[in-house]
């Protein structure tokens, strides 16, 4: 019998750093969620990571306002319901003034492992 290791199972990070203020940013956010969904459907551990300006997308997906944001939020909620975890850069959420806004503290793995982070 072949021994299976946790190293045999790929783990993919899908990093979103796009601004929320353009059609291009919306397209990048959509594709980040679609790629994550496709990987998860194939049984590959995938995690969207909201970094830099992309941390603004996390807030918009959690509390959508426009019809386009609501469409993306449904996809994001489906990923969460399927058990797909996500991360939001702790430093970036502060830099973009999101820490005290709509970002939940529960269920969000806010990371800041790169110490010291540029300030």
C-alpha atoms as a PDB file:
ATOM      1  CA  UNK A   1       0.000   0.000   0.000  1.00  0.00           C
ATOM      2  CA  UNK A   2       1.298   3.421  -0.978  1.00  0.00           C
ATOM      3  CA  UNK A   3       1.801   5.829   1.881  1.00  0.00           C
ATOM      4  CA  UNK A   4      -0.036   9.149   1.461  1.00  0.00           C
ATOM      5  CA  UNK A   5       1.356  12.298   3.006  1.00  0.00           C
ATOM      6  CA  UNK A   6      -0.121  15.760   3.489  1.00  0.00           C
ATOM      7  CA  UNK A   7       2.538  16.829   0.998  1.00  0.00           C
ATOM      8  CA  UNK A   8       0.821  14.746  -1.692  1.00  0.00           C
ATOM      9  CA  UNK A   9      -2.218  16.988  -1.626  1.00  0.00           C
ATOM     10  CA  UNK A  10      -1.657  20.344  -3.330  1.00  0.00           C
ATOM     11  CA  UNK A  11      -2.572  23.522  -1.516  1.00  0.00           C
ATOM     12  CA  UNK A  12      -3.138  26.615  -3.618  1.00  0.00           C
ATOM     13  CA  UNK A  13      -3.328  30.254  -2.519  1.00  0.00           C
ATOM     14  CA  UNK A  14      -5.311  32.541  -4.810  1.00  0.00           C
ATOM     15  CA  UNK A  15      -4.111  36.036  -3.964  1.00  0.00           C
ATOM     16  CA  UNK A  16      -6.344  38.979  -4.798  1.00  0.00           C
ATOM     17  CA  UNK A  17      -4.663  42.380  -4.772  1.00  0.00           C
ATOM     18  CA  UNK A  18      -7.010  44.239  -7.141  1.00  0.00           C
ATOM     19  CA  UNK A  19      -8.695  47.546  -6.414  1.00  0.00           C
ATOM     20  CA  UNK A  20     -12.472  47.631  -6.117  1.00  0.00           C
ATOM     21  CA  UNK A  21     -12.862  50.817  -8.152  1.00  0.00           C
ATOM     22  CA  UNK A  22     -12.573  49.500 -11.716  1.00  0.00           C
ATOM     23  CA  UNK A  23     -14.075  46.973 -14.083  1.00  0.00           C
ATOM     24  CA  UNK A  24     -10.650  45.300 -14.185  1.00  0.00           C
ATOM     25  CA  UNK A  25     -10.671  44.907 -10.394  1.00  0.00           C
ATOM     26  CA  UNK A  26     -14.154  43.417 -10.510  1.00  0.00           C
ATOM     27  CA  UNK A  27     -13.013  40.950 -13.179  1.00  0.00           C
ATOM     28  CA  UNK A  28      -9.955  39.968 -11.148  1.00  0.00           C
ATOM     29  CA  UNK A  29     -12.113  39.416  -8.053  1.00  0.00           C
ATOM     30  CA  UNK A  30     -14.559  37.288 -10.050  1.00  0.00           C
ATOM     31  CA  UNK A  31     -11.769  35.156 -11.485  1.00  0.00           C
ATOM     32  CA  UNK A  32     -10.095  34.726  -8.090  1.00  0.00           C
ATOM     33  CA  UNK A  33     -13.368  33.325  -6.727  1.00  0.00           C
ATOM     34  CA  UNK A  34     -14.009  31.199  -9.826  1.00  0.00           C
ATOM     35  CA  UNK A  35     -10.493  29.694  -9.719  1.00  0.00           C
ATOM     36  CA  UNK A  36     -10.859  28.959  -6.019  1.00  0.00           C
ATOM     37  CA  UNK A  37     -14.215  27.302  -6.663  1.00  0.00           C
ATOM     38  CA  UNK A  38     -12.871  25.192  -9.559  1.00  0.00           C
ATOM     39  CA  UNK A  39      -9.921  24.008  -7.487  1.00  0.00           C
ATOM     40  CA  UNK A  40     -12.149  23.148  -4.519  1.00  0.00           C
ATOM     41  CA  UNK A  41     -14.508  21.204  -6.798  1.00  0.00           C
ATOM     42  CA  UNK A  42     -11.502  19.125  -7.914  1.00  0.00           C
ATOM     43  CA  UNK A  43     -10.680  18.330  -4.291  1.00  0.00           C
ATOM     44  CA  UNK A  44      -7.679  20.656  -4.164  1.00  0.00           C
ATOM     45  CA  UNK A  45      -7.290  22.760  -1.039  1.00  0.00           C
ATOM     46  CA  UNK A  46      -7.549  26.356  -2.217  1.00  0.00           C
ATOM     47  CA  UNK A  47      -7.776  29.549  -0.220  1.00  0.00           C
ATOM     48  CA  UNK A  48      -8.453  33.082  -1.420  1.00  0.00           C
ATOM     49  CA  UNK A  49      -6.171  35.584   0.274  1.00  0.00           C
ATOM     50  CA  UNK A  50      -7.222  39.228   0.253  1.00  0.00           C
ATOM     51  CA  UNK A  51      -4.030  41.286   0.280  1.00  0.00           C
ATOM     52  CA  UNK A  52      -3.195  44.920  -0.344  1.00  0.00           C
ATOM     53  CA  UNK A  53      -6.050  46.730  -2.081  1.00  0.00           C
ATOM     54  CA  UNK A  54      -7.736  43.337  -2.380  1.00  0.00           C
ATOM     55  CA  UNK A  55      -8.608  43.560   1.309  1.00  0.00           C
ATOM     56  CA  UNK A  56     -11.306  46.005   0.208  1.00  0.00           C
ATOM     57  CA  UNK A  57     -12.910  43.166  -1.775  1.00  0.00           C
ATOM     58  CA  UNK A  58     -13.281  41.128   1.403  1.00  0.00           C
ATOM     59  CA  UNK A  59     -15.363  43.918   2.932  1.00  0.00           C
ATOM     60  CA  UNK A  60     -17.472  44.219  -0.233  1.00  0.00           C
ATOM     61  CA  UNK A  61     -18.066  40.469  -0.400  1.00  0.00           C
ATOM     62  CA  UNK A  62     -19.094  40.325   3.245  1.00  0.00           C
ATOM     63  CA  UNK A  63     -21.374  43.389   3.012  1.00  0.00           C
ATOM     64  CA  UNK A  64     -22.202  43.896  -0.683  1.00  0.00           C
ATOM     65  CA  UNK A  65     -23.982  47.026  -1.846  1.00  0.00           C
ATOM     66  CA  UNK A  66     -24.203  47.055  -5.648  1.00  0.00           C
ATOM     67  CA  UNK A  67     -25.834  44.333  -7.795  1.00  0.00           C
ATOM     68  CA  UNK A  68     -22.398  43.265  -9.110  1.00  0.00           C
ATOM     69  CA  UNK A  69     -21.024  43.000  -5.573  1.00  0.00           C
ATOM     70  CA  UNK A  70     -24.079  40.973  -4.552  1.00  0.00           C
ATOM     71  CA  UNK A  71     -23.441  38.548  -7.426  1.00  0.00           C
ATOM     72  CA  UNK A  72     -19.834  38.062  -6.327  1.00  0.00           C
ATOM     73  CA  UNK A  73     -20.939  37.777  -2.709  1.00  0.00           C
ATOM     74  CA  UNK A  74     -23.208  34.824  -3.579  1.00  0.00           C
ATOM     75  CA  UNK A  75     -20.209  32.999  -5.059  1.00  0.00           C
ATOM     76  CA  UNK A  76     -18.091  33.906  -2.009  1.00  0.00           C
ATOM     77  CA  UNK A  77     -20.827  32.726   0.382  1.00  0.00           C
ATOM     78  CA  UNK A  78     -21.044  29.464  -1.550  1.00  0.00           C
ATOM     79  CA  UNK A  79     -17.318  28.925  -1.054  1.00  0.00           C
ATOM     80  CA  UNK A  80     -17.679  29.610   2.668  1.00  0.00           C
ATOM     81  CA  UNK A  81     -20.632  27.220   2.908  1.00  0.00           C
ATOM     82  CA  UNK A  82     -18.504  24.553   1.213  1.00  0.00           C
ATOM     83  CA  UNK A  83     -15.863  24.992   3.926  1.00  0.00           C
ATOM     84  CA  UNK A  84     -13.361  27.006   1.891  1.00  0.00           C
ATOM     85  CA  UNK A  85     -11.391  29.219   4.277  1.00  0.00           C
ATOM     86  CA  UNK A  86     -10.121  32.659   3.380  1.00  0.00           C
ATOM     87  CA  UNK A  87      -7.573  35.068   4.792  1.00  0.00           C
ATOM     88  CA  UNK A  88      -7.383  38.831   4.952  1.00  0.00           C
ATOM     89  CA  UNK A  89      -4.039  40.513   5.518  1.00  0.00           C
ATOM     90  CA  UNK A  90      -4.259  42.086   8.958  1.00  0.00           C
ATOM     91  CA  UNK A  91      -1.884  44.913   8.094  1.00  0.00           C
ATOM     92  CA  UNK A  92      -3.655  45.715   4.824  1.00  0.00           C
ATOM     93  CA  UNK A  93      -7.105  45.716   6.385  1.00  0.00           C
ATOM     94  CA  UNK A  94      -5.793  48.375   8.762  1.00  0.00           C
ATOM     95  CA  UNK A  95      -4.012  50.328   6.037  1.00  0.00           C
ATOM     96  CA  UNK A  96      -7.243  50.465   4.016  1.00  0.00           C
ATOM     97  CA  UNK A  97      -9.280  51.405   7.123  1.00  0.00           C
ATOM     98  CA  UNK A  98     -11.306  48.194   7.148  1.00  0.00           C
ATOM     99  CA  UNK A  99     -10.442  46.700  10.535  1.00  0.00           C
ATOM    100  CA  UNK A 100     -13.325  48.337  12.347  1.00  0.00           C
ATOM    101  CA  UNK A 101     -15.801  48.219   9.459  1.00  0.00           C
ATOM    102  CA  UNK A 102     -17.717  45.264   8.075  1.00  0.00           C
ATOM    103  CA  UNK A 103     -14.961  42.681   8.459  1.00  0.00           C
ATOM    104  CA  UNK A 104     -16.046  40.046  10.945  1.00  0.00           C
ATOM    105  CA  UNK A 105     -13.644  38.899  13.588  1.00  0.00           C
ATOM    106  CA  UNK A 106     -15.072  35.360  13.624  1.00  0.00           C
ATOM    107  CA  UNK A 107     -14.328  33.176  10.623  1.00  0.00           C
ATOM    108  CA  UNK A 108     -11.656  35.487   9.264  1.00  0.00           C
ATOM    109  CA  UNK A 109      -8.090  34.312   9.529  1.00  0.00           C
ATOM    110  CA  UNK A 110      -6.421  37.718   9.504  1.00  0.00           C
ATOM    111  CA  UNK A 111      -2.712  37.199   9.049  1.00  0.00           C
ATOM    112  CA  UNK A 112       0.343  39.289   9.563  1.00  0.00           C
ATOM    113  CA  UNK A 113       3.146  36.750   9.610  1.00  0.00           C
ATOM    114  CA  UNK A 114       5.643  38.964   7.807  1.00  0.00           C
ATOM    115  CA  UNK A 115       7.159  40.874  10.702  1.00  0.00           C
ATOM    116  CA  UNK A 116       8.029  43.644  10.593  1.00  0.00           C
ATOM    117  CA  UNK A 117       5.540  44.619   7.891  1.00  0.00           C
ATOM    118  CA  UNK A 118       6.325  47.819   6.007  1.00  0.00           C
ATOM    119  CA  UNK A 119       4.766  50.792   7.742  1.00  0.00           C
END
